[in-house]
PDB file of all heavy atoms in Angstrom:
ATOM      1  N   THR A   1     -62.770  64.692  30.388  1.00  0.00           N
ATOM      2  CA  THR A   1     -62.691  65.750  29.383  1.00  0.00           C
ATOM      3  C   THR A   1     -61.415  66.570  29.550  1.00  0.00           C
ATOM      4  O   THR A   1     -60.716  66.870  28.573  1.00  0.00           O
ATOM      5  CB  THR A   1     -63.915  66.670  29.484  1.00  0.00           C
ATOM      6  OG1 THR A   1     -65.094  65.916  29.203  1.00  0.00           O
ATOM      7  CG2 THR A   1     -63.810  67.825  28.495  1.00  0.00           C
ATOM      8  N   LEU A   2     -61.112  66.952  30.789  1.00  0.00           N
ATOM      9  CA  LEU A   2     -59.915  67.740  31.055  1.00  0.00           C
ATOM     10  C   LEU A   2     -58.661  66.973  30.645  1.00  0.00           C
ATOM     11  O   LEU A   2     -57.744  67.527  30.023  1.00  0.00           O
ATOM     12  CB  LEU A   2     -59.863  68.096  32.544  1.00  0.00           C
ATOM     13  CG  LEU A   2     -58.934  69.244  32.954  1.00  0.00           C
ATOM     14  CD1 LEU A   2     -59.303  70.542  32.253  1.00  0.00           C
ATOM     15  CD2 LEU A   2     -58.971  69.427  34.463  1.00  0.00           C
ATOM     16  N   ASN A   3     -58.626  65.707  30.967  1.00  0.00           N
ATOM     17  CA  ASN A   3     -57.491  64.866  30.615  1.00  0.00           C
ATOM     18  C   ASN A   3     -57.348  64.729  29.105  1.00  0.00           C
ATOM     19  O   ASN A   3     -56.248  64.859  28.547  1.00  0.00           O
ATOM     20  CB  ASN A   3     -57.657  63.488  31.253  1.00  0.00           C
ATOM     21  CG  ASN A   3     -56.428  62.632  31.134  1.00  0.00           C
ATOM     22  OD1 ASN A   3     -55.391  62.939  31.707  1.00  0.00           O
ATOM     23  ND2 ASN A   3     -56.526  61.543  30.394  1.00  0.00           N
ATOM     24  N   ARG A   4     -58.469  64.487  28.427  1.00  0.00           N
ATOM     25  CA  ARG A   4     -58.446  64.321  26.977  1.00  0.00           C
ATOM     26  C   ARG A   4     -57.987  65.592  26.280  1.00  0.00           C
ATOM     27  O   ARG A   4     -57.183  65.561  25.333  1.00  0.00           O
ATOM     28  CB  ARG A   4     -59.837  63.902  26.483  1.00  0.00           C
ATOM     29  CG  ARG A   4     -59.895  63.631  24.983  1.00  0.00           C
ATOM     30  CD  ARG A   4     -61.244  63.064  24.570  1.00  0.00           C
ATOM     31  NE  ARG A   4     -62.340  63.984  24.848  1.00  0.00           N
ATOM     32  CZ  ARG A   4     -63.283  63.751  25.747  1.00  0.00           C
ATOM     33  NH1 ARG A   4     -63.262  62.643  26.470  1.00  0.00           N
ATOM     34  NH2 ARG A   4     -64.258  64.634  25.936  1.00  0.00           N
ATOM     35  N   ASN A   5     -58.471  66.746  26.754  1.00  0.00           N
ATOM     36  CA  ASN A   5     -58.079  68.022  26.145  1.00  0.00           C
ATOM     37  C   ASN A   5     -56.593  68.311  26.355  1.00  0.00           C
ATOM     38  O   ASN A   5     -55.919  68.845  25.467  1.00  0.00           O
ATOM     39  CB  ASN A   5     -58.917  69.159  26.731  1.00  0.00           C
ATOM     40  CG  ASN A   5     -60.354  69.116  26.283  1.00  0.00           C
ATOM     41  OD1 ASN A   5     -60.712  68.390  25.350  1.00  0.00           O
ATOM     42  ND2 ASN A   5     -61.221  69.865  26.956  1.00  0.00           N
ATOM     43  N   GLY A   6     -56.086  67.967  27.546  1.00  0.00           N
ATOM     44  CA  GLY A   6     -54.671  68.182  27.808  1.00  0.00           C
ATOM     45  C   GLY A   6     -53.794  67.373  26.878  1.00  0.00           C
ATOM     46  O   GLY A   6     -52.809  67.881  26.322  1.00  0.00           O
ATOM     47  N   ILE A   7     -54.134  66.111  26.701  1.00  0.00           N
ATOM     48  CA  ILE A   7     -53.358  65.239  25.811  1.00  0.00           C
ATOM     49  C   ILE A   7     -53.442  65.720  24.368  1.00  0.00           C
ATOM     50  O   ILE A   7     -52.444  65.731  23.634  1.00  0.00           O
ATOM     51  CB  ILE A   7     -53.848  63.786  25.942  1.00  0.00           C
ATOM     52  CG1 ILE A   7     -53.459  63.234  27.325  1.00  0.00           C
ATOM     53  CG2 ILE A   7     -53.279  62.906  24.837  1.00  0.00           C
ATOM     54  CD1 ILE A   7     -54.017  61.866  27.631  1.00  0.00           C
ATOM     55  N   ALA A   8     -54.632  66.168  23.954  1.00  0.00           N
ATOM     56  CA  ALA A   8     -54.799  66.670  22.581  1.00  0.00           C
ATOM     57  C   ALA A   8     -53.900  67.883  22.339  1.00  0.00           C
ATOM     58  O   ALA A   8     -53.300  68.022  21.264  1.00  0.00           O
ATOM     59  CB  ALA A   8     -56.261  67.034  22.337  1.00  0.00           C
ATOM     60  N   GLY A   9     -53.791  68.760  23.331  1.00  0.00           N
ATOM     61  CA  GLY A   9     -52.930  69.924  23.179  1.00  0.00           C
ATOM     62  C   GLY A   9     -51.466  69.552  23.046  1.00  0.00           C
ATOM     63  O   GLY A   9     -50.719  70.159  22.264  1.00  0.00           O
ATOM     64  N   ALA A  10     -51.053  68.542  23.788  1.00  0.00           N
ATOM     65  CA  ALA A  10     -49.661  68.090  23.704  1.00  0.00           C
ATOM     66  C   ALA A  10     -49.390  67.433  22.352  1.00  0.00           C
ATOM     67  O   ALA A  10     -48.336  67.652  21.741  1.00  0.00           O
ATOM     68  CB  ALA A  10     -49.369  67.117  24.842  1.00  0.00           C
ATOM     69  N   ARG A  11     -50.327  66.654  21.872  1.00  0.00           N
ATOM     70  CA  ARG A  11     -50.160  66.029  20.557  1.00  0.00           C
ATOM     71  C   ARG A  11     -50.045  67.093  19.456  1.00  0.00           C
ATOM     72  O   ARG A  11     -49.266  66.948  18.500  1.00  0.00           O
ATOM     73  CB  ARG A  11     -51.341  65.104  20.248  1.00  0.00           C
ATOM     74  CG  ARG A  11     -51.370  63.821  21.064  1.00  0.00           C
ATOM     75  CD  ARG A  11     -52.452  62.890  20.543  1.00  0.00           C
ATOM     76  NE  ARG A  11     -52.663  61.739  21.379  1.00  0.00           N
ATOM     77  CZ  ARG A  11     -51.923  60.626  21.357  1.00  0.00           C
ATOM     78  NH1 ARG A  11     -50.909  60.550  20.503  1.00  0.00           N
ATOM     79  NH2 ARG A  11     -52.195  59.617  22.163  1.00  0.00           N
ATOM     80  N   ARG A  12     -50.821  68.162  19.599  1.00  0.00           N
ATOM     81  CA  ARG A  12     -50.787  69.232  18.592  1.00  0.00           C
ATOM     82  C   ARG A  12     -49.393  69.849  18.476  1.00  0.00           C
ATOM     83  O   ARG A  12     -48.965  70.241  17.390  1.00  0.00           O
ATOM     84  CB  ARG A  12     -51.816  70.309  18.959  1.00  0.00           C
ATOM     85  CG  ARG A  12     -51.892  71.473  17.962  1.00  0.00           C
ATOM     86  CD  ARG A  12     -52.981  72.455  18.357  1.00  0.00           C
ATOM     87  NE  ARG A  12     -52.705  73.065  19.653  1.00  0.00           N
ATOM     88  CZ  ARG A  12     -51.894  74.126  19.822  1.00  0.00           C
ATOM     89  NH1 ARG A  12     -51.288  74.668  18.785  1.00  0.00           N
ATOM     90  NH2 ARG A  12     -51.721  74.632  21.027  1.00  0.00           N
ATOM     91  N   LEU A  13     -48.672  69.882  19.584  1.00  0.00           N
ATOM     92  CA  LEU A  13     -47.319  70.446  19.573  1.00  0.00           C
ATOM     93  C   LEU A  13     -46.272  69.453  19.074  1.00  0.00           C
ATOM     94  O   LEU A  13     -45.113  69.828  18.873  1.00  0.00           O
ATOM     95  CB  LEU A  13     -46.929  70.909  20.979  1.00  0.00           C
ATOM     96  CG  LEU A  13     -47.671  72.119  21.538  1.00  0.00           C
ATOM     97  CD1 LEU A  13     -47.109  72.485  22.907  1.00  0.00           C
ATOM     98  CD2 LEU A  13     -47.572  73.307  20.599  1.00  0.00           C
ATOM     99  N   GLY A  14     -46.669  68.208  18.909  1.00  0.00           N
ATOM    100  CA  GLY A  14     -45.719  67.209  18.426  1.00  0.00           C
ATOM    101  C   GLY A  14     -45.140  66.304  19.494  1.00  0.00           C
ATOM    102  O   GLY A  14     -44.173  65.574  19.237  1.00  0.00           O
ATOM    103  N   VAL A  15     -45.716  66.333  20.693  1.00  0.00           N
ATOM    104  CA  VAL A  15     -45.271  65.420  21.749  1.00  0.00           C
ATOM    105  C   VAL A  15     -45.641  63.995  21.347  1.00  0.00           C
ATOM    106  O   VAL A  15     -46.758  63.738  20.896  1.00  0.00           O
ATOM    107  CB  VAL A  15     -45.933  65.781  23.104  1.00  0.00           C
ATOM    108  CG1 VAL A  15     -45.620  64.721  24.161  1.00  0.00           C
ATOM    109  CG2 VAL A  15     -45.466  67.150  23.572  1.00  0.00           C
ATOM    110  N   GLN A  16     -44.698  63.080  21.503  1.00  0.00           N
ATOM    111  CA  GLN A  16     -44.936  61.686  21.167  1.00  0.00           C
ATOM    112  C   GLN A  16     -45.481  60.939  22.384  1.00  0.00           C
ATOM    113  O   GLN A  16     -45.094  61.225  23.522  1.00  0.00           O
ATOM    114  CB  GLN A  16     -43.641  61.018  20.704  1.00  0.00           C
ATOM    115  CG  GLN A  16     -43.015  61.655  19.470  1.00  0.00           C
ATOM    116  CD  GLN A  16     -43.913  61.570  18.257  1.00  0.00           C
ATOM    117  OE1 GLN A  16     -44.403  60.482  17.915  1.00  0.00           O
ATOM    118  NE2 GLN A  16     -44.156  62.707  17.603  1.00  0.00           N
ATOM    119  N   PHE A  17     -46.368  59.993  22.129  1.00  0.00           N
ATOM    120  CA  PHE A  17     -46.960  59.204  23.216  1.00  0.00           C
ATOM    121  C   PHE A  17     -46.690  57.723  22.986  1.00  0.00           C
ATOM    122  O   PHE A  17     -46.795  57.233  21.861  1.00  0.00           O
ATOM    123  CB  PHE A  17     -48.468  59.437  23.306  1.00  0.00           C
ATOM    124  CG  PHE A  17     -48.832  60.749  23.943  1.00  0.00           C
ATOM    125  CD1 PHE A  17     -48.789  61.930  23.207  1.00  0.00           C
ATOM    126  CD2 PHE A  17     -49.203  60.813  25.287  1.00  0.00           C
ATOM    127  CE1 PHE A  17     -49.104  63.148  23.793  1.00  0.00           C
ATOM    128  CE2 PHE A  17     -49.530  62.026  25.875  1.00  0.00           C
ATOM    129  CZ  PHE A  17     -49.479  63.192  25.132  1.00  0.00           C
ATOM    130  N   VAL A  18     -46.334  57.036  24.068  1.00  0.00           N
ATOM    131  CA  VAL A  18     -46.157  55.587  24.036  1.00  0.00           C
ATOM    132  C   VAL A  18     -47.187  54.984  24.982  1.00  0.00           C
ATOM    133  O   VAL A  18     -47.200  55.289  26.180  1.00  0.00           O
ATOM    134  CB  VAL A  18     -44.734  55.170  24.476  1.00  0.00           C
ATOM    135  CG1 VAL A  18     -44.651  53.650  24.622  1.00  0.00           C
ATOM    136  CG2 VAL A  18     -43.705  55.675  23.482  1.00  0.00           C
ATOM    137  N   GLN A  19     -48.070  54.159  24.428  1.00  0.00           N
ATOM    138  CA  GLN A  19     -49.105  53.512  25.226  1.00  0.00           C
ATOM    139  C   GLN A  19     -48.559  52.209  25.779  1.00  0.00           C
ATOM    140  O   GLN A  19     -48.119  51.344  25.035  1.00  0.00           O
ATOM    141  CB  GLN A  19     -50.342  53.229  24.362  1.00  0.00           C
ATOM    142  CG  GLN A  19     -51.495  52.585  25.113  1.00  0.00           C
ATOM    143  CD  GLN A  19     -52.333  53.590  25.877  1.00  0.00           C
ATOM    144  OE1 GLN A  19     -52.485  54.725  25.441  1.00  0.00           O
ATOM    145  NE2 GLN A  19     -52.875  53.166  27.009  1.00  0.00           N
ATOM    146  N   GLY A  20     -48.554  52.071  27.084  1.00  0.00           N
ATOM    147  CA  GLY A  20     -48.068  50.835  27.687  1.00  0.00           C
ATOM    148  C   GLY A  20     -47.597  51.059  29.111  1.00  0.00           C
ATOM    149  O   GLY A  20     -47.340  52.188  29.527  1.00  0.00           O
ATOM    150  N   GLU A  21     -47.480  49.991  29.833  1.00  0.00           N
ATOM    151  CA  GLU A  21     -47.073  50.047  31.234  1.00  0.00           C
ATOM    152  C   GLU A  21     -45.558  50.133  31.351  1.00  0.00           C
ATOM    153  O   GLU A  21     -44.833  49.313  30.775  1.00  0.00           O
ATOM    154  CB  GLU A  21     -47.576  48.799  31.959  1.00  0.00           C
ATOM    155  CG  GLU A  21     -47.204  48.750  33.427  1.00  0.00           C
ATOM    156  CD  GLU A  21     -47.647  47.462  34.090  1.00  0.00           C
ATOM    157  OE1 GLU A  21     -48.585  46.814  33.566  1.00  0.00           O
ATOM    158  OE2 GLU A  21     -47.060  47.112  35.131  1.00  0.00           O
ATOM    159  N   VAL A  22     -45.067  51.109  32.097  1.00  0.00           N
ATOM    160  CA  VAL A  22     -43.639  51.211  32.376  1.00  0.00           C
ATOM    161  C   VAL A  22     -43.312  50.236  33.503  1.00  0.00           C
ATOM    162  O   VAL A  22     -43.922  50.274  34.575  1.00  0.00           O
ATOM    163  CB  VAL A  22     -43.250  52.650  32.776  1.00  0.00           C
ATOM    164  CG1 VAL A  22     -41.809  52.702  33.276  1.00  0.00           C
ATOM    165  CG2 VAL A  22     -43.421  53.595  31.587  1.00  0.00           C
ATOM    166  N   VAL A  23     -42.331  49.369  33.254  1.00  0.00           N
ATOM    167  CA  VAL A  23     -41.982  48.354  34.253  1.00  0.00           C
ATOM    168  C   VAL A  23     -40.572  48.532  34.800  1.00  0.00           C
ATOM    169  O   VAL A  23     -40.182  47.849  35.753  1.00  0.00           O
ATOM    170  CB  VAL A  23     -42.127  46.933  33.658  1.00  0.00           C
ATOM    171  CG1 VAL A  23     -43.573  46.640  33.314  1.00  0.00           C
ATOM    172  CG2 VAL A  23     -41.239  46.753  32.426  1.00  0.00           C
ATOM    173  N   GLY A  24     -39.783  49.433  34.213  1.00  0.00           N
ATOM    174  CA  GLY A  24     -38.420  49.607  34.697  1.00  0.00           C
ATOM    175  C   GLY A  24     -37.837  50.953  34.331  1.00  0.00           C
ATOM    176  O   GLY A  24     -38.225  51.570  33.340  1.00  0.00           O
ATOM    177  N   LEU A  25     -36.912  51.426  35.159  1.00  0.00           N
ATOM    178  CA  LEU A  25     -36.200  52.675  34.927  1.00  0.00           C
ATOM    179  C   LEU A  25     -34.759  52.472  35.364  1.00  0.00           C
ATOM    180  O   LEU A  25     -34.498  51.955  36.451  1.00  0.00           O
ATOM    181  CB  LEU A  25     -36.842  53.816  35.727  1.00  0.00           C
ATOM    182  CG  LEU A  25     -36.130  55.175  35.700  1.00  0.00           C
ATOM    183  CD1 LEU A  25     -36.092  55.742  34.294  1.00  0.00           C
ATOM    184  CD2 LEU A  25     -36.819  56.154  36.663  1.00  0.00           C
ATOM    185  N   GLY A  26     -33.815  52.858  34.509  1.00  0.00           N
ATOM    186  CA  GLY A  26     -32.404  52.683  34.845  1.00  0.00           C
ATOM    187  C   GLY A  26     -31.519  53.543  33.973  1.00  0.00           C
ATOM    188  O   GLY A  26     -31.968  54.554  33.422  1.00  0.00           O
ATOM    189  N   MET A  27     -30.253  53.146  33.846  1.00  0.00           N
ATOM    190  CA  MET A  27     -29.298  53.852  33.012  1.00  0.00           C
ATOM    191  C   MET A  27     -28.795  52.903  31.929  1.00  0.00           C
ATOM    192  O   MET A  27     -28.813  51.672  32.106  1.00  0.00           O
ATOM    193  CB  MET A  27     -28.107  54.347  33.845  1.00  0.00           C
ATOM    194  CG  MET A  27     -28.484  55.286  34.981  1.00  0.00           C
ATOM    195  SD  MET A  27     -29.233  56.839  34.443  1.00  0.00           S
ATOM    196  CE  MET A  27     -27.838  57.667  33.680  1.00  0.00           C
ATOM    197  N   ASP A  28     -28.325  53.465  30.823  1.00  0.00           N
ATOM    198  CA  ASP A  28     -27.802  52.616  29.747  1.00  0.00           C
ATOM    199  C   ASP A  28     -26.393  52.131  30.103  1.00  0.00           C
ATOM    200  O   ASP A  28     -25.863  52.429  31.184  1.00  0.00           O
ATOM    201  CB  ASP A  28     -27.839  53.341  28.406  1.00  0.00           C
ATOM    202  CG  ASP A  28     -26.866  54.518  28.334  1.00  0.00           C
ATOM    203  OD1 ASP A  28     -26.094  54.737  29.297  1.00  0.00           O
ATOM    204  OD2 ASP A  28     -26.871  55.228  27.313  1.00  0.00           O
ATOM    205  N   ASP A  29     -25.771  51.395  29.185  1.00  0.00           N
ATOM    206  CA  ASP A  29     -24.463  50.793  29.452  1.00  0.00           C
ATOM    207  C   ASP A  29     -23.365  51.836  29.665  1.00  0.00           C
ATOM    208  O   ASP A  29     -22.354  51.552  30.306  1.00  0.00           O
ATOM    209  CB  ASP A  29     -24.066  49.861  28.298  1.00  0.00           C
ATOM    210  CG  ASP A  29     -24.964  48.629  28.215  1.00  0.00           C
ATOM    211  OD1 ASP A  29     -25.586  48.297  29.243  1.00  0.00           O
ATOM    212  OD2 ASP A  29     -25.040  48.026  27.127  1.00  0.00           O
ATOM    213  N   THR A  30     -23.570  53.032  29.122  1.00  0.00           N
ATOM    214  CA  THR A  30     -22.556  54.078  29.270  1.00  0.00           C
ATOM    215  C   THR A  30     -22.773  54.912  30.526  1.00  0.00           C
ATOM    216  O   THR A  30     -21.952  55.751  30.869  1.00  0.00           O
ATOM    217  CB  THR A  30     -22.577  55.022  28.051  1.00  0.00           C
ATOM    218  OG1 THR A  30     -23.817  55.757  28.029  1.00  0.00           O
ATOM    219  CG2 THR A  30     -22.443  54.246  26.752  1.00  0.00           C
ATOM    220  N   TRP A  31     -23.899  54.695  31.206  1.00  0.00           N
ATOM    221  CA  TRP A  31     -24.269  55.454  32.405  1.00  0.00           C
ATOM    222  C   TRP A  31     -24.359  56.951  32.125  1.00  0.00           C
ATOM    223  O   TRP A  31     -24.114  57.779  32.992  1.00  0.00           O
ATOM    224  CB  TRP A  31     -23.289  55.183  33.559  1.00  0.00           C
ATOM    225  CG  TRP A  31     -23.540  53.850  34.179  1.00  0.00           C
ATOM    226  CD1 TRP A  31     -23.014  52.659  33.771  1.00  0.00           C
ATOM    227  CD2 TRP A  31     -24.428  53.549  35.264  1.00  0.00           C
ATOM    228  NE1 TRP A  31     -23.516  51.631  34.543  1.00  0.00           N
ATOM    229  CE2 TRP A  31     -24.368  52.138  35.469  1.00  0.00           C
ATOM    230  CE3 TRP A  31     -25.240  54.325  36.082  1.00  0.00           C
ATOM    231  CZ2 TRP A  31     -25.107  51.507  36.457  1.00  0.00           C
ATOM    232  CZ3 TRP A  31     -25.966  53.696  37.080  1.00  0.00           C
ATOM    233  CH2 TRP A  31     -25.905  52.300  37.250  1.00  0.00           C
ATOM    234  N   THR A  32     -24.717  57.303  30.878  1.00  0.00           N
ATOM    235  CA  THR A  32     -24.894  58.709  30.527  1.00  0.00           C
ATOM    236  C   THR A  32     -26.322  59.036  30.139  1.00  0.00           C
ATOM    237  O   THR A  32     -26.694  60.206  30.082  1.00  0.00           O
ATOM    238  CB  THR A  32     -23.972  59.098  29.352  1.00  0.00           C
ATOM    239  OG1 THR A  32     -24.293  58.287  28.209  1.00  0.00           O
ATOM    240  CG2 THR A  32     -22.505  58.893  29.724  1.00  0.00           C
ATOM    241  N   ARG A  33     -27.135  58.018  29.864  1.00  0.00           N
ATOM    242  CA  ARG A  33     -28.519  58.231  29.461  1.00  0.00           C
ATOM    243  C   ARG A  33     -29.452  57.333  30.266  1.00  0.00           C
ATOM    244  O   ARG A  33     -29.065  56.246  30.705  1.00  0.00           O
ATOM    245  CB  ARG A  33     -28.718  57.967  27.961  1.00  0.00           C
ATOM    246  CG  ARG A  33     -27.784  58.739  27.046  1.00  0.00           C
ATOM    247  CD  ARG A  33     -28.220  58.643  25.607  1.00  0.00           C
ATOM    248  NE  ARG A  33     -29.282  59.590  25.304  1.00  0.00           N
ATOM    249  CZ  ARG A  33     -30.169  59.429  24.318  1.00  0.00           C
ATOM    250  NH1 ARG A  33     -30.155  58.338  23.585  1.00  0.00           N
ATOM    251  NH2 ARG A  33     -31.086  60.345  24.088  1.00  0.00           N
ATOM    252  N   PHE A  34     -30.664  57.804  30.435  1.00  0.00           N
ATOM    253  CA  PHE A  34     -31.676  57.038  31.149  1.00  0.00           C
ATOM    254  C   PHE A  34     -32.319  56.027  30.202  1.00  0.00           C
ATOM    255  O   PHE A  34     -32.400  56.255  28.989  1.00  0.00           O
ATOM    256  CB  PHE A  34     -32.763  57.966  31.693  1.00  0.00           C
ATOM    257  CG  PHE A  34     -32.315  58.852  32.810  1.00  0.00           C
ATOM    258  CD1 PHE A  34     -31.769  60.111  32.549  1.00  0.00           C
ATOM    259  CD2 PHE A  34     -32.444  58.454  34.135  1.00  0.00           C
ATOM    260  CE1 PHE A  34     -31.362  60.935  33.580  1.00  0.00           C
ATOM    261  CE2 PHE A  34     -32.037  59.274  35.169  1.00  0.00           C
ATOM    262  CZ  PHE A  34     -31.494  60.515  34.894  1.00  0.00           C
ATOM    263  N   THR A  35     -32.809  54.930  30.775  1.00  0.00           N
ATOM    264  CA  THR A  35     -33.585  53.963  30.000  1.00  0.00           C
ATOM    265  C   THR A  35     -34.931  53.750  30.685  1.00  0.00           C
ATOM    266  O   THR A  35     -35.000  53.630  31.909  1.00  0.00           O
ATOM    267  CB  THR A  35     -32.866  52.600  29.880  1.00  0.00           C
ATOM    268  OG1 THR A  35     -32.701  52.033  31.182  1.00  0.00           O
ATOM    269  CG2 THR A  35     -31.506  52.759  29.226  1.00  0.00           C
ATOM    270  N   VAL A  36     -35.974  53.733  29.889  1.00  0.00           N
ATOM    271  CA  VAL A  36     -37.325  53.440  30.372  1.00  0.00           C
ATOM    272  C   VAL A  36     -37.795  52.180  29.664  1.00  0.00           C
ATOM    273  O   VAL A  36     -37.791  52.119  28.430  1.00  0.00           O
ATOM    274  CB  VAL A  36     -38.294  54.607  30.088  1.00  0.00           C
ATOM    275  CG1 VAL A  36     -39.731  54.197  30.411  1.00  0.00           C
ATOM    276  CG2 VAL A  36     -37.904  55.836  30.892  1.00  0.00           C
ATOM    277  N   ALA A  37     -38.149  51.181  30.435  1.00  0.00           N
ATOM    278  CA  ALA A  37     -38.586  49.910  29.861  1.00  0.00           C
ATOM    279  C   ALA A  37     -40.089  49.745  30.019  1.00  0.00           C
ATOM    280  O   ALA A  37     -40.639  49.951  31.107  1.00  0.00           O
ATOM    281  CB  ALA A  37     -37.863  48.750  30.537  1.00  0.00           C
ATOM    282  N   THR A  38     -40.755  49.396  28.925  1.00  0.00           N
ATOM    283  CA  THR A  38     -42.148  48.987  28.976  1.00  0.00           C
ATOM    284  C   THR A  38     -42.178  47.471  28.838  1.00  0.00           C
ATOM    285  O   THR A  38     -41.138  46.828  28.712  1.00  0.00           O
ATOM    286  CB  THR A  38     -42.968  49.626  27.849  1.00  0.00           C
ATOM    287  OG1 THR A  38     -42.522  49.093  26.586  1.00  0.00           O
ATOM    288  CG2 THR A  38     -42.809  51.142  27.841  1.00  0.00           C
ATOM    289  N   ALA A  39     -43.342  46.897  28.854  1.00  0.00           N
ATOM    290  CA  ALA A  39     -43.447  45.446  28.707  1.00  0.00           C
ATOM    291  C   ALA A  39     -42.985  45.000  27.329  1.00  0.00           C
ATOM    292  O   ALA A  39     -42.628  43.830  27.139  1.00  0.00           O
ATOM    293  CB  ALA A  39     -44.883  45.000  28.945  1.00  0.00           C
ATOM    294  N   ASP A  40     -42.944  45.928  26.347  1.00  0.00           N
ATOM    295  CA  ASP A  40     -42.653  45.552  24.966  1.00  0.00           C
ATOM    296  C   ASP A  40     -41.343  46.099  24.415  1.00  0.00           C
ATOM    297  O   ASP A  40     -40.810  45.560  23.452  1.00  0.00           O
ATOM    298  CB  ASP A  40     -43.779  46.029  24.037  1.00  0.00           C
ATOM    299  CG  ASP A  40     -45.139  45.486  24.454  1.00  0.00           C
ATOM    300  OD1 ASP A  40     -45.225  44.283  24.724  1.00  0.00           O
ATOM    301  OD2 ASP A  40     -46.096  46.276  24.523  1.00  0.00           O
TER     302      ASP A  40
END
């Protein structure tokens, strides 16, 4: 319940959610931005 309510509050503010497993974290080709890779 606590978890569900927390997520609902974030959605109400406009936070975007991506459902999926994160499999990688790195930098882009310019080395100025982060990249987060999911399976998809």
